[in-house]
């Protein structure tokens, strides 16, 4: 099933779980933003059972997170001051912060 159709079917359920600003980003699948305890994240590869990964921004940089999410085309990593990527395939710090 194509991502846009899946998004429409899942939208209400995902928003009920705390995701917001849901959209499909090429190469990343269904994506959204979510507030966690210590960070706000760009979440990628969202399905009805979880997600593939997330780019975590400190709450103090939530404006950077929103901007990065709105302009990210799905290639490379999002811009800005994300501090860590956490995913099922890997976990690493932002190389631009080292």
PDB file of N, CA and C in Angstrom:
ATOM      1  N   UNK A   1       0.843  -1.170   0.000  1.00  0.00           N
ATOM      2  CA  UNK A   1       0.000   0.000   0.000  1.00  0.00           C
ATOM      3  C   UNK A   1       0.894   1.242   0.000  1.00  0.00           C
ATOM      4  N   UNK A   2       0.570   2.238  -0.805  1.00  0.00           N
ATOM      5  CA  UNK A   2       1.419   3.422  -0.895  1.00  0.00           C
ATOM      6  C   UNK A   2       1.334   4.248   0.388  1.00  0.00           C
ATOM      7  N   UNK A   3       2.433   4.971   0.680  1.00  0.00           N
ATOM      8  CA  UNK A   3       2.550   5.700   1.945  1.00  0.00           C
ATOM      9  C   UNK A   3       1.437   6.725   2.159  1.00  0.00           C
ATOM     10  N   UNK A   4       1.045   7.469   1.113  1.00  0.00           N
ATOM     11  CA  UNK A   4       0.001   8.487   1.283  1.00  0.00           C
ATOM     12  C   UNK A   4      -1.324   7.867   1.706  1.00  0.00           C
ATOM     13  N   UNK A   5      -1.671   6.736   1.128  1.00  0.00           N
ATOM     14  CA  UNK A   5      -2.912   6.054   1.487  1.00  0.00           C
ATOM     15  C   UNK A   5      -2.817   5.508   2.913  1.00  0.00           C
ATOM     16  N   UNK A   6      -1.668   4.923   3.258  1.00  0.00           N
ATOM     17  CA  UNK A   6      -1.465   4.424   4.627  1.00  0.00           C
ATOM     18  C   UNK A   6      -1.572   5.557   5.633  1.00  0.00           C
ATOM     19  N   UNK A   7      -1.012   6.724   5.284  1.00  0.00           N
ATOM     20  CA  UNK A   7      -1.058   7.869   6.191  1.00  0.00           C
ATOM     21  C   UNK A   7      -2.501   8.259   6.468  1.00  0.00           C
ATOM     22  N   UNK A   8      -3.318   8.324   5.452  1.00  0.00           N
ATOM     23  CA  UNK A   8      -4.713   8.714   5.649  1.00  0.00           C
ATOM     24  C   UNK A   8      -5.443   7.715   6.538  1.00  0.00           C
ATOM     25  N   UNK A   9      -5.158   6.443   6.354  1.00  0.00           N
ATOM     26  CA  UNK A   9      -5.793   5.411   7.172  1.00  0.00           C
ATOM     27  C   UNK A   9      -5.321   5.489   8.618  1.00  0.00           C
ATOM     28  N   UNK A  10      -4.044   5.764   8.826  1.00  0.00           N
ATOM     29  CA  UNK A  10      -3.450   5.762  10.170  1.00  0.00           C
ATOM     30  C   UNK A  10      -3.516   7.095  10.906  1.00  0.00           C
ATOM     31  N   UNK A  11      -3.811   8.169  10.190  1.00  0.00           N
ATOM     32  CA  UNK A  11      -3.675   9.519  10.753  1.00  0.00           C
ATOM     33  C   UNK A  11      -4.319   9.663  12.138  1.00  0.00           C
ATOM     34  N   UNK A  12      -5.567   9.312  12.282  1.00  0.00           N
ATOM     35  CA  UNK A  12      -6.266   9.480  13.558  1.00  0.00           C
ATOM     36  C   UNK A  12      -5.594   8.673  14.677  1.00  0.00           C
ATOM     37  N   UNK A  13      -5.232   7.445  14.372  1.00  0.00           N
ATOM     38  CA  UNK A  13      -4.564   6.594  15.364  1.00  0.00           C
ATOM     39  C   UNK A  13      -3.218   7.187  15.781  1.00  0.00           C
ATOM     40  N   UNK A  14      -2.425   7.628  14.800  1.00  0.00           N
ATOM     41  CA  UNK A  14      -1.096   8.167  15.096  1.00  0.00           C
ATOM     42  C   UNK A  14      -1.178   9.478  15.876  1.00  0.00           C
ATOM     43  N   UNK A  15      -2.114  10.335  15.506  1.00  0.00           N
ATOM     44  CA  UNK A  15      -2.274  11.590  16.243  1.00  0.00           C
ATOM     45  C   UNK A  15      -2.707  11.310  17.673  1.00  0.00           C
ATOM     46  N   UNK A  16      -3.494  10.268  17.878  1.00  0.00           N
ATOM     47  CA  UNK A  16      -3.895   9.873  19.219  1.00  0.00           C
ATOM     48  C   UNK A  16      -2.728   9.384  20.061  1.00  0.00           C
ATOM     49  N   UNK A  17      -1.659   8.931  19.404  1.00  0.00           N
ATOM     50  CA  UNK A  17      -0.463   8.465  20.104  1.00  0.00           C
ATOM     51  C   UNK A  17       0.536   9.591  20.354  1.00  0.00           C
ATOM     52  N   UNK A  18       0.231  10.804  19.862  1.00  0.00           N
ATOM     53  CA  UNK A  18       1.096  11.950  20.131  1.00  0.00           C
ATOM     54  C   UNK A  18       1.886  12.465  18.941  1.00  0.00           C
ATOM     55  N   UNK A  19       1.806  11.801  17.801  1.00  0.00           N
ATOM     56  CA  UNK A  19       2.481  12.319  16.609  1.00  0.00           C
ATOM     57  C   UNK A  19       1.709  13.525  16.096  1.00  0.00           C
ATOM     58  N   UNK A  20       2.423  14.481  15.507  1.00  0.00           N
ATOM     59  CA  UNK A  20       1.744  15.607  14.878  1.00  0.00           C
ATOM     60  C   UNK A  20       2.496  16.019  13.624  1.00  0.00           C
ATOM     61  N   UNK A  21       1.838  16.807  12.810  1.00  0.00           N
ATOM     62  CA  UNK A  21       2.405  17.300  11.550  1.00  0.00           C
ATOM     63  C   UNK A  21       2.826  16.140  10.643  1.00  0.00           C
ATOM     64  N   UNK A  22       1.997  15.141  10.553  1.00  0.00           N
ATOM     65  CA  UNK A  22       2.313  13.937   9.774  1.00  0.00           C
ATOM     66  C   UNK A  22       2.340  14.225   8.280  1.00  0.00           C
ATOM     67  N   UNK A  23       3.314  13.622   7.602  1.00  0.00           N
ATOM     68  CA  UNK A  23       3.413  13.729   6.143  1.00  0.00           C
ATOM     69  C   UNK A  23       4.311  12.616   5.640  1.00  0.00           C
ATOM     70  N   UNK A  24       4.296  12.435   4.334  1.00  0.00           N
ATOM     71  CA  UNK A  24       5.171  11.461   3.699  1.00  0.00           C
ATOM     72  C   UNK A  24       6.382  12.209   3.157  1.00  0.00           C
ATOM     73  N   UNK A  25       7.567  11.747   3.516  1.00  0.00           N
ATOM     74  CA  UNK A  25       8.814  12.309   2.996  1.00  0.00           C
ATOM     75  C   UNK A  25       9.459  11.235   2.132  1.00  0.00           C
ATOM     76  N   UNK A  26       9.758  11.554   0.860  1.00  0.00           N
ATOM     77  CA  UNK A  26      10.342  10.550  -0.040  1.00  0.00           C
ATOM     78  C   UNK A  26      11.572   9.880   0.565  1.00  0.00           C
ATOM     79  N   UNK A  27      11.598   8.573   0.479  1.00  0.00           N
ATOM     80  CA  UNK A  27      12.715   7.797   0.994  1.00  0.00           C
ATOM     81  C   UNK A  27      12.650   7.534   2.493  1.00  0.00           C
ATOM     82  N   UNK A  28      11.752   8.194   3.201  1.00  0.00           N
ATOM     83  CA  UNK A  28      11.647   8.045   4.654  1.00  0.00           C
ATOM     84  C   UNK A  28      10.295   7.482   5.085  1.00  0.00           C
ATOM     85  N   UNK A  29       9.329   7.483   4.190  1.00  0.00           N
ATOM     86  CA  UNK A  29       7.995   6.982   4.525  1.00  0.00           C
ATOM     87  C   UNK A  29       7.195   8.004   5.302  1.00  0.00           C
ATOM     88  N   UNK A  30       6.291   7.509   6.127  1.00  0.00           N
ATOM     89  CA  UNK A  30       5.464   8.393   6.944  1.00  0.00           C
ATOM     90  C   UNK A  30       6.329   8.969   8.058  1.00  0.00           C
ATOM     91  N   UNK A  31       6.294  10.289   8.175  1.00  0.00           N
ATOM     92  CA  UNK A  31       7.099  10.990   9.177  1.00  0.00           C
ATOM     93  C   UNK A  31       6.202  11.934   9.965  1.00  0.00           C
ATOM     94  N   UNK A  32       6.682  12.316  11.122  1.00  0.00           N
ATOM     95  CA  UNK A  32       5.960  13.261  11.953  1.00  0.00           C
ATOM     96  C   UNK A  32       6.869  13.790  13.033  1.00  0.00           C
ATOM     97  N   UNK A  33       6.303  14.635  13.844  1.00  0.00           N
ATOM     98  CA  UNK A  33       7.046  15.156  14.982  1.00  0.00           C
ATOM     99  C   UNK A  33       6.393  14.621  16.239  1.00  0.00           C
ATOM    100  N   UNK A  34       7.187  14.516  17.299  1.00  0.00           N
ATOM    101  CA  UNK A  34       6.660  14.031  18.580  1.00  0.00           C
ATOM    102  C   UNK A  34       7.512  14.605  19.699  1.00  0.00           C
ATOM    103  N   UNK A  35       6.845  14.956  20.773  1.00  0.00           N
ATOM    104  CA  UNK A  35       7.544  15.447  21.962  1.00  0.00           C
ATOM    105  C   UNK A  35       7.828  14.254  22.872  1.00  0.00           C
ATOM    106  N   UNK A  36       9.065  14.121  23.276  1.00  0.00           N
ATOM    107  CA  UNK A  36       9.485  13.096  24.227  1.00  0.00           C
ATOM    108  C   UNK A  36       9.829  13.791  25.544  1.00  0.00           C
ATOM    109  N   UNK A  37      10.253  13.057  26.544  1.00  0.00           N
ATOM    110  CA  UNK A  37      10.517  13.642  27.860  1.00  0.00           C
ATOM    111  C   UNK A  37      11.566  14.753  27.784  1.00  0.00           C
ATOM    112  N   UNK A  38      12.694  14.486  27.131  1.00  0.00           N
ATOM    113  CA  UNK A  38      13.791  15.449  27.102  1.00  0.00           C
ATOM    114  C   UNK A  38      14.010  16.097  25.746  1.00  0.00           C
ATOM    115  N   UNK A  39      13.322  15.640  24.713  1.00  0.00           N
ATOM    116  CA  UNK A  39      13.559  16.142  23.363  1.00  0.00           C
ATOM    117  C   UNK A  39      12.248  16.261  22.580  1.00  0.00           C
ATOM    118  N   UNK A  40      12.348  16.966  21.460  1.00  0.00           N
ATOM    119  CA  UNK A  40      11.324  16.961  20.430  1.00  0.00           C
ATOM    120  C   UNK A  40      11.987  16.326  19.227  1.00  0.00           C
ATOM    121  N   UNK A  41      11.284  15.415  18.546  1.00  0.00           N
ATOM    122  CA  UNK A  41      11.945  14.632  17.506  1.00  0.00           C
ATOM    123  C   UNK A  41      11.216  14.668  16.175  1.00  0.00           C
ATOM    124  N   UNK A  42      12.020  14.561  15.124  1.00  0.00           N
ATOM    125  CA  UNK A  42      11.521  14.230  13.794  1.00  0.00           C
ATOM    126  C   UNK A  42      11.545  12.707  13.748  1.00  0.00           C
ATOM    127  N   UNK A  43      10.378  12.112  13.599  1.00  0.00           N
ATOM    128  CA  UNK A  43      10.252  10.660  13.636  1.00  0.00           C
ATOM    129  C   UNK A  43      10.046  10.160  12.214  1.00  0.00           C
ATOM    130  N   UNK A  44      10.796   9.130  11.822  1.00  0.00           N
ATOM    131  CA  UNK A  44      10.755   8.633  10.439  1.00  0.00           C
ATOM    132  C   UNK A  44      10.315   7.172  10.386  1.00  0.00           C
ATOM    133  N   UNK A  45       9.715   6.819   9.258  1.00  0.00           N
ATOM    134  CA  UNK A  45       9.312   5.429   9.050  1.00  0.00           C
ATOM    135  C   UNK A  45       8.229   4.966  10.006  1.00  0.00           C
ATOM    136  N   UNK A  46       7.231   5.816  10.247  1.00  0.00           N
ATOM    137  CA  UNK A  46       6.180   5.494  11.206  1.00  0.00           C
ATOM    138  C   UNK A  46       5.220   4.461  10.607  1.00  0.00           C
ATOM    139  N   UNK A  47       4.877   3.464  11.419  1.00  0.00           N
ATOM    140  CA  UNK A  47       3.869   2.471  11.042  1.00  0.00           C
ATOM    141  C   UNK A  47       2.878   2.352  12.195  1.00  0.00           C
ATOM    142  N   UNK A  48       1.931   1.450  12.050  1.00  0.00           N
ATOM    143  CA  UNK A  48       0.962   1.256  13.121  1.00  0.00           C
ATOM    144  C   UNK A  48       1.556   0.527  14.330  1.00  0.00           C
ATOM    145  N   UNK A  49       2.790   0.036  14.214  1.00  0.00           N
ATOM    146  CA  UNK A  49       3.403  -0.673  15.340  1.00  0.00           C
ATOM    147  C   UNK A  49       4.686  -0.013  15.856  1.00  0.00           C
ATOM    148  N   UNK A  50       5.055   1.121  15.316  1.00  0.00           N
ATOM    149  CA  UNK A  50       6.268   1.790  15.784  1.00  0.00           C
ATOM    150  C   UNK A  50       6.851   2.703  14.728  1.00  0.00           C
ATOM    151  N   UNK A  51       8.160   2.881  14.787  1.00  0.00           N
ATOM    152  CA  UNK A  51       8.850   3.725  13.813  1.00  0.00           C
ATOM    153  C   UNK A  51      10.275   3.214  13.626  1.00  0.00           C
ATOM    154  N   UNK A  52      10.882   3.658  12.520  1.00  0.00           N
ATOM    155  CA  UNK A  52      12.236   3.217  12.182  1.00  0.00           C
ATOM    156  C   UNK A  52      13.307   4.000  12.954  1.00  0.00           C
ATOM    157  N   UNK A  53      13.065   5.283  13.190  1.00  0.00           N
ATOM    158  CA  UNK A  53      14.064   6.074  13.897  1.00  0.00           C
ATOM    159  C   UNK A  53      13.580   7.475  14.187  1.00  0.00           C
ATOM    160  N   UNK A  54      14.409   8.218  14.938  1.00  0.00           N
ATOM    161  CA  UNK A  54      14.055   9.597  15.255  1.00  0.00           C
ATOM    162  C   UNK A  54      15.302  10.451  15.417  1.00  0.00           C
ATOM    163  N   UNK A  55      15.187  11.700  14.988  1.00  0.00           N
ATOM    164  CA  UNK A  55      16.226  12.705  15.169  1.00  0.00           C
ATOM    165  C   UNK A  55      15.794  13.580  16.338  1.00  0.00           C
ATOM    166  N   UNK A  56      16.563  13.570  17.416  1.00  0.00           N
ATOM    167  CA  UNK A  56      16.183  14.225  18.665  1.00  0.00           C
ATOM    168  C   UNK A  56      16.812  15.615  18.773  1.00  0.00           C
ATOM    169  N   UNK A  57      15.971  16.605  18.981  1.00  0.00           N
ATOM    170  CA  UNK A  57      16.393  17.988  19.189  1.00  0.00           C
ATOM    171  C   UNK A  57      16.062  18.363  20.628  1.00  0.00           C
ATOM    172  N   UNK A  58      16.953  19.105  21.315  1.00  0.00           N
ATOM    173  CA  UNK A  58      16.600  19.559  22.663  1.00  0.00           C
ATOM    174  C   UNK A  58      15.384  20.491  22.585  1.00  0.00           C
ATOM    175  N   UNK A  59      14.553  20.490  23.612  1.00  0.00           N
ATOM    176  CA  UNK A  59      13.353  21.333  23.605  1.00  0.00           C
ATOM    177  C   UNK A  59      13.690  22.799  23.352  1.00  0.00           C
ATOM    178  N   UNK A  60      14.858  23.245  23.783  1.00  0.00           N
ATOM    179  CA  UNK A  60      15.265  24.640  23.570  1.00  0.00           C
ATOM    180  C   UNK A  60      15.404  24.966  22.088  1.00  0.00           C
ATOM    181  N   UNK A  61      15.583  23.933  21.241  1.00  0.00           N
ATOM    182  CA  UNK A  61      15.738  24.137  19.795  1.00  0.00           C
ATOM    183  C   UNK A  61      14.520  23.659  19.017  1.00  0.00           C
ATOM    184  N   UNK A  62      13.349  23.671  19.640  1.00  0.00           N
ATOM    185  CA  UNK A  62      12.167  23.155  18.956  1.00  0.00           C
ATOM    186  C   UNK A  62      11.876  23.935  17.668  1.00  0.00           C
ATOM    187  N   UNK A  63      12.176  25.224  17.630  1.00  0.00           N
ATOM    188  CA  UNK A  63      11.973  26.006  16.392  1.00  0.00           C
ATOM    189  C   UNK A  63      12.885  25.482  15.283  1.00  0.00           C
ATOM    190  N   UNK A  64      14.131  25.132  15.631  1.00  0.00           N
ATOM    191  CA  UNK A  64      15.046  24.535  14.648  1.00  0.00           C
ATOM    192  C   UNK A  64      14.495  23.208  14.142  1.00  0.00           C
ATOM    193  N   UNK A  65      13.922  22.427  15.038  1.00  0.00           N
ATOM    194  CA  UNK A  65      13.362  21.129  14.680  1.00  0.00           C
ATOM    195  C   UNK A  65      12.217  21.302  13.689  1.00  0.00           C
ATOM    196  N   UNK A  66      11.319  22.226  13.965  1.00  0.00           N
ATOM    197  CA  UNK A  66      10.177  22.485  13.075  1.00  0.00           C
ATOM    198  C   UNK A  66      10.668  22.954  11.714  1.00  0.00           C
ATOM    199  N   UNK A  67      11.609  23.875  11.696  1.00  0.00           N
ATOM    200  CA  UNK A  67      12.152  24.377  10.432  1.00  0.00           C
ATOM    201  C   UNK A  67      12.808  23.245   9.644  1.00  0.00           C
ATOM    202  N   UNK A  68      13.644  22.466  10.308  1.00  0.00           N
ATOM    203  CA  UNK A  68      14.330  21.357   9.631  1.00  0.00           C
ATOM    204  C   UNK A  68      13.322  20.372   9.060  1.00  0.00           C
ATOM    205  N   UNK A  69      12.298  20.046   9.826  1.00  0.00           N
ATOM    206  CA  UNK A  69      11.272  19.106   9.381  1.00  0.00           C
ATOM    207  C   UNK A  69      10.531  19.640   8.159  1.00  0.00           C
ATOM    208  N   UNK A  70      10.221  20.920   8.170  1.00  0.00           N
ATOM    209  CA  UNK A  70       9.453  21.502   7.070  1.00  0.00           C
ATOM    210  C   UNK A  70      10.227  21.584   5.768  1.00  0.00           C
ATOM    211  N   UNK A  71      11.550  21.637   5.833  1.00  0.00           N
ATOM    212  CA  UNK A  71      12.318  21.752   4.585  1.00  0.00           C
ATOM    213  C   UNK A  71      13.070  20.471   4.206  1.00  0.00           C
ATOM    214  N   UNK A  72      13.109  19.500   5.079  1.00  0.00           N
ATOM    215  CA  UNK A  72      13.872  18.273   4.815  1.00  0.00           C
ATOM    216  C   UNK A  72      13.264  17.507   3.656  1.00  0.00           C
ATOM    217  N   UNK A  73      14.128  17.120   2.709  1.00  0.00           N
ATOM    218  CA  UNK A  73      13.657  16.373   1.535  1.00  0.00           C
ATOM    219  C   UNK A  73      13.881  14.868   1.675  1.00  0.00           C
ATOM    220  N   UNK A  74      14.368  14.427   2.830  1.00  0.00           N
ATOM    221  CA  UNK A  74      14.560  13.005   3.067  1.00  0.00           C
ATOM    222  C   UNK A  74      15.935  12.486   2.715  1.00  0.00           C
ATOM    223  N   UNK A  75      16.760  13.322   2.106  1.00  0.00           N
ATOM    224  CA  UNK A  75      18.120  12.893   1.791  1.00  0.00           C
ATOM    225  C   UNK A  75      19.055  13.393   2.892  1.00  0.00           C
ATOM    226  N   UNK A  76      20.162  12.703   3.042  1.00  0.00           N
ATOM    227  CA  UNK A  76      21.108  13.046   4.110  1.00  0.00           C
ATOM    228  C   UNK A  76      20.369  13.051   5.448  1.00  0.00           C
ATOM    229  N   UNK A  77      20.807  13.914   6.363  1.00  0.00           N
ATOM    230  CA  UNK A  77      20.144  14.073   7.657  1.00  0.00           C
ATOM    231  C   UNK A  77      19.475  15.438   7.670  1.00  0.00           C
ATOM    232  N   UNK A  78      18.483  15.634   8.538  1.00  0.00           N
ATOM    233  CA  UNK A  78      17.894  16.967   8.645  1.00  0.00           C
ATOM    234  C   UNK A  78      18.944  17.970   9.119  1.00  0.00           C
ATOM    235  N   UNK A  79      18.711  19.227   8.811  1.00  0.00           N
ATOM    236  CA  UNK A  79      19.642  20.281   9.230  1.00  0.00           C
ATOM    237  C   UNK A  79      19.453  20.604  10.706  1.00  0.00           C
ATOM    238  N   UNK A  80      20.308  21.449  11.190  1.00  0.00           N
ATOM    239  CA  UNK A  80      20.127  22.001  12.518  1.00  0.00           C
ATOM    240  C   UNK A  80      20.781  21.219  13.633  1.00  0.00           C
ATOM    241  N   UNK A  81      20.372  21.570  14.833  1.00  0.00           N
ATOM    242  CA  UNK A  81      21.048  21.095  16.031  1.00  0.00           C
ATOM    243  C   UNK A  81      20.484  19.838  16.666  1.00  0.00           C
ATOM    244  N   UNK A  82      20.076  18.869  15.842  1.00  0.00           N
ATOM    245  CA  UNK A  82      19.667  17.607  16.467  1.00  0.00           C
ATOM    246  C   UNK A  82      20.879  17.030  17.179  1.00  0.00           C
ATOM    247  N   UNK A  83      20.613  16.388  18.294  1.00  0.00           N
ATOM    248  CA  UNK A  83      21.730  15.903  19.097  1.00  0.00           C
ATOM    249  C   UNK A  83      22.011  14.422  18.906  1.00  0.00           C
ATOM    250  N   UNK A  84      20.971  13.661  18.585  1.00  0.00           N
ATOM    251  CA  UNK A  84      21.171  12.228  18.452  1.00  0.00           C
ATOM    252  C   UNK A  84      20.113  11.626  17.538  1.00  0.00           C
ATOM    253  N   UNK A  85      20.543  10.643  16.755  1.00  0.00           N
ATOM    254  CA  UNK A  85      19.616   9.804  15.998  1.00  0.00           C
ATOM    255  C   UNK A  85      19.502   8.493  16.762  1.00  0.00           C
ATOM    256  N   UNK A  86      18.280   8.049  16.986  1.00  0.00           N
ATOM    257  CA  UNK A  86      18.038   6.769  17.643  1.00  0.00           C
ATOM    258  C   UNK A  86      17.112   5.970  16.738  1.00  0.00           C
ATOM    259  N   UNK A  87      17.575   4.785  16.347  1.00  0.00           N
ATOM    260  CA  UNK A  87      16.747   3.998  15.463  1.00  0.00           C
ATOM    261  C   UNK A  87      16.979   2.514  15.609  1.00  0.00           C
ATOM    262  N   UNK A  88      16.162   1.757  14.896  1.00  0.00           N
ATOM    263  CA  UNK A  88      16.284   0.309  14.956  1.00  0.00           C
ATOM    264  C   UNK A  88      17.554  -0.167  14.270  1.00  0.00           C
ATOM    265  N   UNK A  89      18.094   0.643  13.370  1.00  0.00           N
ATOM    266  CA  UNK A  89      19.271   0.244  12.610  1.00  0.00           C
ATOM    267  C   UNK A  89      20.579   0.819  13.145  1.00  0.00           C
ATOM    268  N   UNK A  90      20.504   1.892  13.939  1.00  0.00           N
ATOM    269  CA  UNK A  90      21.723   2.559  14.390  1.00  0.00           C
ATOM    270  C   UNK A  90      21.377   3.614  15.437  1.00  0.00           C
ATOM    271  N   UNK A  91      22.404   4.090  16.106  1.00  0.00           N
ATOM    272  CA  UNK A  91      22.267   5.190  17.049  1.00  0.00           C
ATOM    273  C   UNK A  91      23.564   5.979  16.990  1.00  0.00           C
ATOM    274  N   UNK A  92      23.474   7.300  16.773  1.00  0.00           N
ATOM    275  CA  UNK A  92      24.684   8.110  16.676  1.00  0.00           C
ATOM    276  C   UNK A  92      24.374   9.565  16.972  1.00  0.00           C
ATOM    277  N   UNK A  93      25.428  10.296  17.369  1.00  0.00           N
ATOM    278  CA  UNK A  93      25.322  11.724  17.623  1.00  0.00           C
ATOM    279  C   UNK A  93      25.449  12.488  16.305  1.00  0.00           C
ATOM    280  N   UNK A  94      24.958  13.712  16.308  1.00  0.00           N
ATOM    281  CA  UNK A  94      25.055  14.572  15.139  1.00  0.00           C
ATOM    282  C   UNK A  94      26.534  14.876  14.890  1.00  0.00           C
ATOM    283  N   UNK A  95      27.074  14.463  13.732  1.00  0.00           N
ATOM    284  CA  UNK A  95      28.503  14.724  13.462  1.00  0.00           C
ATOM    285  C   UNK A  95      28.847  16.203  13.394  1.00  0.00           C
ATOM    286  N   UNK A  96      27.872  17.079  13.151  1.00  0.00           N
ATOM    287  CA  UNK A  96      28.120  18.517  13.101  1.00  0.00           C
ATOM    288  C   UNK A  96      28.315  19.110  14.499  1.00  0.00           C
ATOM    289  N   UNK A  97      27.989  18.366  15.533  1.00  0.00           N
ATOM    290  CA  UNK A  97      28.142  18.858  16.909  1.00  0.00           C
ATOM    291  C   UNK A  97      29.450  18.393  17.549  1.00  0.00           C
ATOM    292  N   UNK A  98      30.213  17.585  16.838  1.00  0.00           N
ATOM    293  CA  UNK A  98      31.448  17.039  17.431  1.00  0.00           C
ATOM    294  C   UNK A  98      32.625  17.930  17.181  1.00  0.00           C
TER     295      UNK A  98
END
